[in-house]
């Protein structure tokens, strides 16, 4: 079920990059592919050659981190995307690149094949592990919605080790921004039982006017587990009323 949730979130993240008013977790609709950004300083770099994108299947090593980071300012979104992927493959070994990857969350450039650079950067940051958490917490305060959403998604992938991000995630969620609230809930869901302090806030979202917010609140409460028991009466009520998607997620 977690894989299905992650797949759904990824689909929604892609739509958020193409539709300014899209909400993560909303009904998927076909949208125009956004144009590559020429203003963003972020980019991706080659693994095998200084001036060329990494070939598919090639693997990075730690000695190439400086080259990959330099390529985060390449004019070609294909090069930027290749660099971000390579840094992501290094996982925690790429911790030195975390500040650059956080800045890459501002990059809405789109390679010829694949997702926008900011989504790739969010994935890479999630693989970087707990050492990325302090900088991801700071990114949650960014006025740039891509940065905030990317940080929340990365914190979700880091999981319980990102427990210190619970309060910042809650603070951002309390603003109830339709463009970010779903990903913020996803962040809390991934942190799991360590996010139990967010249960009262998530319960409030169970009766939100937006049914997407309601069923993602159900998902987040399920991720928190037994510590979310105070939500059970409302969840039981939701299994019998409202849209099918809300009833289904409340039951789950």
Protein backbone atom coordinates (compact mmCIF):
# COMPACT_ATOMS: atom_id res chain seq x y z
CA UNK A 1 0.00 0.00 0.00
CA UNK A 2 2.92 2.36 0.78
CA UNK A 3 4.18 1.89 -2.78
CA UNK A 4 0.77 2.87 -4.14
CA UNK A 5 0.77 5.95 -1.92
CA UNK A 6 4.25 6.97 -3.10
CA UNK A 7 3.25 6.44 -6.72
CA UNK A 8 0.17 8.58 -6.27
CA UNK A 9 2.15 11.36 -4.62
CA UNK A 10 4.72 11.35 -7.40
CA UNK A 11 1.96 11.72 -9.98
CA UNK A 12 0.55 14.62 -8.05
CA UNK A 13 3.96 16.29 -7.73
CA UNK A 14 4.34 16.18 -11.48
CA UNK A 15 0.97 17.84 -11.92
CA UNK A 16 1.86 20.49 -9.37
CA UNK A 17 4.75 21.48 -11.59
CA UNK A 18 2.44 21.97 -14.57
CA UNK A 19 -0.68 23.45 -13.00
CA UNK A 20 -0.20 26.34 -10.60
CA UNK A 21 -3.48 25.67 -8.86
CA UNK A 22 -3.14 21.90 -8.67
CA UNK A 23 -3.25 20.31 -5.24
CA UNK A 24 -1.12 17.28 -4.54
CA UNK A 25 -3.36 14.27 -4.25
CA UNK A 26 -6.07 15.77 -6.46
CA UNK A 27 -7.64 14.04 -9.42
CA UNK A 28 -4.99 13.49 -12.08
CA UNK A 29 -5.54 15.45 -15.23
CA UNK A 30 -3.46 15.84 -18.36
CA UNK A 31 -1.48 19.05 -18.36
CA UNK A 32 0.99 20.85 -20.59
CA UNK A 33 4.64 20.12 -19.98
CA UNK A 34 6.26 23.18 -18.40
CA UNK A 35 9.02 24.90 -20.30
CA UNK A 36 12.55 24.53 -18.99
CA UNK A 37 13.62 27.32 -16.69
CA UNK A 38 16.50 29.48 -17.89
CA UNK A 39 16.51 31.68 -14.81
CA UNK A 40 17.18 29.01 -12.20
CA UNK A 41 20.81 28.54 -11.09
CA UNK A 42 20.30 24.83 -10.41
CA UNK A 43 21.32 22.09 -12.82
CA UNK A 44 22.49 18.50 -13.25
CA UNK A 45 25.87 17.21 -14.25
CA UNK A 46 27.63 14.45 -16.05
CA UNK A 47 29.25 11.50 -14.37
CA UNK A 48 31.50 10.32 -17.16
CA UNK A 49 32.45 13.53 -18.99
CA UNK A 50 32.79 17.10 -17.69
CA UNK A 51 30.55 18.63 -20.36
CA UNK A 52 28.08 15.84 -21.18
CA UNK A 53 25.05 14.38 -19.35
CA UNK A 54 25.58 11.04 -17.68
CA UNK A 55 24.72 8.05 -19.82
CA UNK A 56 21.78 5.96 -18.54
CA UNK A 57 23.05 3.16 -16.34
CA UNK A 58 26.34 4.87 -15.50
CA UNK A 59 27.05 5.13 -11.79
CA UNK A 60 28.55 7.98 -9.81
CA UNK A 61 31.18 7.88 -7.09
CA UNK A 62 32.13 10.29 -4.33
CA UNK A 63 35.07 11.76 -6.21
CA UNK A 64 32.67 13.20 -8.79
CA UNK A 65 30.55 15.19 -6.32
CA UNK A 66 32.33 18.52 -7.01
CA UNK A 67 31.83 18.08 -10.76
CA UNK A 68 28.19 17.14 -10.31
CA UNK A 69 27.56 20.12 -8.06
CA UNK A 70 29.18 22.50 -10.58
CA UNK A 71 26.87 21.14 -13.25
CA UNK A 72 23.87 22.16 -11.18
CA UNK A 73 24.19 25.53 -12.94
CA UNK A 74 24.38 24.14 -16.47
CA UNK A 75 22.06 25.80 -18.98
CA UNK A 76 20.77 22.43 -20.22
CA UNK A 77 18.03 20.86 -18.03
CA UNK A 78 19.08 17.43 -19.30
CA UNK A 79 22.53 17.92 -17.77
CA UNK A 80 21.02 19.26 -14.54
CA UNK A 81 18.65 16.31 -14.27
CA UNK A 82 21.46 13.81 -14.92
CA UNK A 83 23.55 15.36 -12.15
CA UNK A 84 20.74 15.29 -9.63
CA UNK A 85 20.05 11.64 -10.40
CA UNK A 86 23.72 10.81 -9.95
CA UNK A 87 23.87 12.58 -6.60
CA UNK A 88 20.76 10.70 -5.54
CA UNK A 89 22.41 7.38 -6.39
CA UNK A 90 25.16 8.20 -3.89
CA UNK A 91 22.62 8.40 -1.05
CA UNK A 92 24.15 9.45 2.30
CA UNK A 93 27.58 9.63 0.66
CA UNK A 94 26.42 12.79 -1.12
CA UNK A 95 25.72 14.68 2.10
CA UNK A 96 28.16 17.40 1.04
CA UNK A 97 25.88 18.14 -1.90
CA UNK A 98 22.75 18.62 0.23
CA UNK A 99 22.87 22.45 0.16
CA UNK A 100 23.10 22.36 -3.62
CA UNK A 101 20.26 19.85 -3.88
CA UNK A 102 18.09 22.04 -1.65
CA UNK A 103 18.72 24.94 -4.03
CA UNK A 104 17.83 22.62 -6.90
CA UNK A 105 14.31 22.42 -5.46
CA UNK A 106 13.81 25.82 -7.10
CA UNK A 107 14.63 24.41 -10.52
CA UNK A 108 11.49 23.89 -12.59
CA UNK A 109 13.43 22.95 -15.70
CA UNK A 110 12.23 19.82 -17.49
CA UNK A 111 14.58 17.40 -19.29
CA UNK A 112 13.62 15.79 -22.58
CA UNK A 113 12.73 12.59 -20.68
CA UNK A 114 11.64 12.39 -17.07
CA UNK A 115 10.39 14.59 -14.28
CA UNK A 116 11.18 18.24 -13.54
CA UNK A 117 14.52 18.83 -11.86
CA UNK A 118 12.94 19.92 -8.57
CA UNK A 119 11.16 16.59 -8.21
CA UNK A 120 14.38 14.72 -8.92
CA UNK A 121 16.10 16.86 -6.29
CA UNK A 122 13.41 15.97 -3.73
CA UNK A 123 14.05 12.27 -4.36
CA UNK A 124 17.81 12.72 -4.06
CA UNK A 125 17.41 14.59 -0.76
CA UNK A 126 15.23 11.79 0.59
CA UNK A 127 18.06 9.34 -0.15
CA UNK A 128 20.62 11.59 1.55
CA UNK A 129 19.31 10.51 4.95
CA UNK A 130 19.05 12.12 8.39
CA UNK A 131 21.98 14.49 7.91
CA UNK A 132 19.86 16.42 5.41
CA UNK A 133 17.06 17.03 7.93
CA UNK A 134 18.23 20.41 9.35
CA UNK A 135 18.48 21.95 5.89
CA UNK A 136 15.16 20.43 4.84
CA UNK A 137 13.52 21.97 7.91
CA UNK A 138 14.87 25.35 6.85
CA UNK A 139 13.52 24.72 3.33
CA UNK A 140 10.02 24.27 4.78
CA UNK A 141 10.07 27.99 5.53
CA UNK A 142 10.72 28.94 1.90
CA UNK A 143 8.11 31.07 0.11
CA UNK A 144 8.80 28.95 -2.98
CA UNK A 145 6.16 26.22 -3.05
CA UNK A 146 8.36 23.82 -5.00
CA UNK A 147 11.00 24.11 -2.30
CA UNK A 148 8.50 23.53 0.51
CA UNK A 149 6.85 20.58 -1.20
CA UNK A 150 10.15 19.02 -2.19
CA UNK A 151 11.44 19.32 1.37
CA UNK A 152 8.30 17.72 2.81
CA UNK A 153 8.47 14.83 0.34
CA UNK A 154 12.15 14.27 1.16
CA UNK A 155 11.42 14.28 4.91
CA UNK A 156 8.74 11.65 4.32
CA UNK A 157 11.27 9.41 2.57
CA UNK A 158 13.78 9.85 5.40
CA UNK A 159 11.08 8.61 7.77
CA UNK A 160 11.21 8.41 11.59
CA UNK A 161 14.75 9.79 11.64
CA UNK A 162 13.23 13.10 10.54
CA UNK A 163 11.15 13.42 13.72
CA UNK A 164 12.58 16.85 14.53
CA UNK A 165 10.75 18.13 11.43
CA UNK A 166 7.30 17.35 12.88
CA UNK A 167 6.76 20.77 14.45
CA UNK A 168 7.92 22.69 11.34
CA UNK A 169 5.68 20.51 9.16
CA UNK A 170 2.75 21.24 11.45
CA UNK A 171 3.48 24.98 11.41
CA UNK A 172 3.44 24.96 7.61
CA UNK A 173 0.29 22.80 7.49
CA UNK A 174 -1.60 25.17 9.78
CA UNK A 175 -1.44 27.77 7.00
CA UNK A 176 -3.75 25.45 5.02
CA UNK A 177 -2.27 26.38 1.66
CA UNK A 178 -4.12 24.33 -0.97
CA UNK A 179 -0.94 23.98 -3.00
CA UNK A 180 1.20 22.53 -0.18
CA UNK A 181 -1.00 20.92 2.45
CA UNK A 182 -1.15 17.50 0.81
CA UNK A 183 2.63 17.15 0.62
CA UNK A 184 2.99 18.36 4.20
CA UNK A 185 0.62 15.60 5.29
CA UNK A 186 2.69 13.17 3.26
CA UNK A 187 5.74 14.31 5.19
CA UNK A 188 4.02 13.56 8.50
CA UNK A 189 2.80 10.21 7.21
CA UNK A 190 6.32 9.10 6.32
CA UNK A 191 7.69 10.09 9.72
CA UNK A 192 5.07 7.76 11.19
CA UNK A 193 4.56 7.23 14.94
CA UNK A 194 7.12 9.92 15.71
CA UNK A 195 4.62 12.42 14.25
CA UNK A 196 1.98 11.71 16.91
CA UNK A 197 1.99 15.38 17.99
CA UNK A 198 0.29 16.18 14.68
CA UNK A 199 -2.75 13.97 15.37
CA UNK A 200 -5.06 16.76 16.68
CA UNK A 201 -4.23 18.94 13.67
CA UNK A 202 -4.81 16.09 11.23
CA UNK A 203 -8.16 15.32 12.88
CA UNK A 204 -9.24 18.85 12.02
CA UNK A 205 -8.52 18.16 8.36
CA UNK A 206 -10.83 15.13 8.39
CA UNK A 207 -13.75 17.53 8.02
CA UNK A 208 -12.05 19.87 5.57
CA UNK A 209 -14.14 21.26 2.71
CA UNK A 210 -11.63 19.82 0.21
CA UNK A 211 -12.11 16.06 0.05
CA UNK A 212 -8.53 15.60 -1.16
CA UNK A 213 -7.33 17.09 2.11
CA UNK A 214 -9.67 14.77 3.98
CA UNK A 215 -8.45 11.55 2.44
CA UNK A 216 -4.79 12.54 2.75
CA UNK A 217 -5.40 13.30 6.42
CA UNK A 218 -6.71 9.73 6.65
CA UNK A 219 -3.50 8.48 5.02
CA UNK A 220 -1.31 10.49 7.39
CA UNK A 221 -3.18 9.24 10.46
CA UNK A 222 -2.81 5.68 9.23
CA UNK A 223 0.92 6.23 8.85
CA UNK A 224 1.15 7.45 12.44
CA UNK A 225 -0.55 4.28 13.61
CA UNK A 226 -1.91 3.47 17.11
CA UNK A 227 -0.90 6.89 18.43
CA UNK A 228 -3.63 8.30 16.15
CA UNK A 229 -6.36 6.43 18.07
CA UNK A 230 -8.16 9.69 19.03
CA UNK A 231 -9.11 9.98 15.35
CA UNK A 232 -10.98 6.65 15.31
CA UNK A 233 -14.50 8.06 16.01
CA UNK A 234 -14.22 10.56 13.15
CA UNK A 235 -12.69 7.95 10.83
CA UNK A 236 -15.57 5.59 11.58
CA UNK A 237 -18.04 8.31 10.70
CA UNK A 238 -16.23 9.03 7.44
CA UNK A 239 -16.49 5.39 6.35
CA UNK A 240 -20.23 5.95 5.96
CA UNK A 241 -20.42 9.43 4.46
CA UNK A 242 -18.90 11.65 1.82
CA UNK A 243 -17.03 10.82 -1.40
CA UNK A 244 -16.02 7.23 -2.08
CA UNK A 245 -12.32 8.10 -1.92
CA UNK A 246 -12.72 9.52 1.59
CA UNK A 247 -14.74 6.51 2.77
CA UNK A 248 -12.14 4.14 1.35
CA UNK A 249 -9.16 5.90 2.92
CA UNK A 250 -10.95 6.29 6.25
CA UNK A 251 -11.58 2.56 6.32
CA UNK A 252 -7.97 1.79 5.37
